Amino acid sequence: MFTSVTDVSDRLAETGYLASPAVATTVFLADRLGKPLLVEGPAGVGKTELAKAVAEIAGAELIRLQCYEGVDESRALYEWNHAKQLLRISAGRDETWDATRTDIFSEEFLLPRPLLTAIRGDDPKVLLIDETDKADVEVEGLLLEVLSDFQVTVPELGTITATRRPFVVLTSNASRELSEALRRRCLFLHIGFPDAELERRIVRLKVPELDAALAESVVRVVGALRAMDLRKVPSVSETIDWARTLLALGADTLDETVVRDSLGVLLKHQDDVLKASAKLDLDAM
């Protein structure tokens, strides 16, 4: 998919994703080595957007498995269309059970879910396993089979092996520790908050109407908030939202009134808002 690390950076930038050298290098290696990419970091720093950008570059279908507590094999892998099976059984009452069973456990009655969909067919695909750390530990065993050999076993149909491997991105907010077995099968990438220069570039790219001086002030204030002991510091996506908010308010500069009235865009807990209001010194910035 990519010819070099620079090619990764350039093509990601064309989609609106500004990648650091570490991000570009790891994406290039994941593509070149055919390895899944495990991306960890706080929420809102661009983990999911990275998978979307790669899919756009490749002209690939993005297949997303959103993990949550209680997600199971039927939601992740496949299940049978039970309603259709019952109709088929009712329609074939004069048939032997062996004949009926062979028919109802065929492709026609199979409902593929994200993991099975991602390994079938010859068209390019990007498989996004989002917020892997929210899934139960048991689901990791299922992921291990898929990510080790890119194959899935359906007892009634046999083993289905990928003819074209998808580009796989797993994301994690590190709310729980993932197993070492799963980590061994992946290349690891940590995406943290960008440095001030990169974040300014991101803001100017996403909100081009914003004045350069105001964009710089936005990044400085967000950096000061991240340095505070808050329950939830602002993410990059919230920086962009705040920049758009200031634009909508017609603000030319950051003063105490504008910042105080719009802190709810950046901070999501009242105690964080109160702490930031007390500690934030705009004059010092």
Foldseek 3Di string as FASTA:
>chain_A
DADDLVRQQVQLVVVLDHDDSQVSVQLVCCVVVVFAEEEEEAPFACQVVVLVSVCVSQVAAEAEAEAAEPDDCCQAFKDFQVVVLVVQCVVPVVDDPVVSVLVRPDPVGIGGHRLNVQQDDDTEYEYEYEAVVRYDLVVVVVVLVCRVQVWDQDPSPGIDHHPDHYHYYYYHHCPDDHDPSSVVRHHYHYRYADPLVVLLVSLCSLPVVADSVQSSLLSVLLVVLVVDPDPDRFHSVLSNVVSVVCVVVVDNHDDLVSCLVPVVSGDPDPVSSVVCNVPPDSVVD
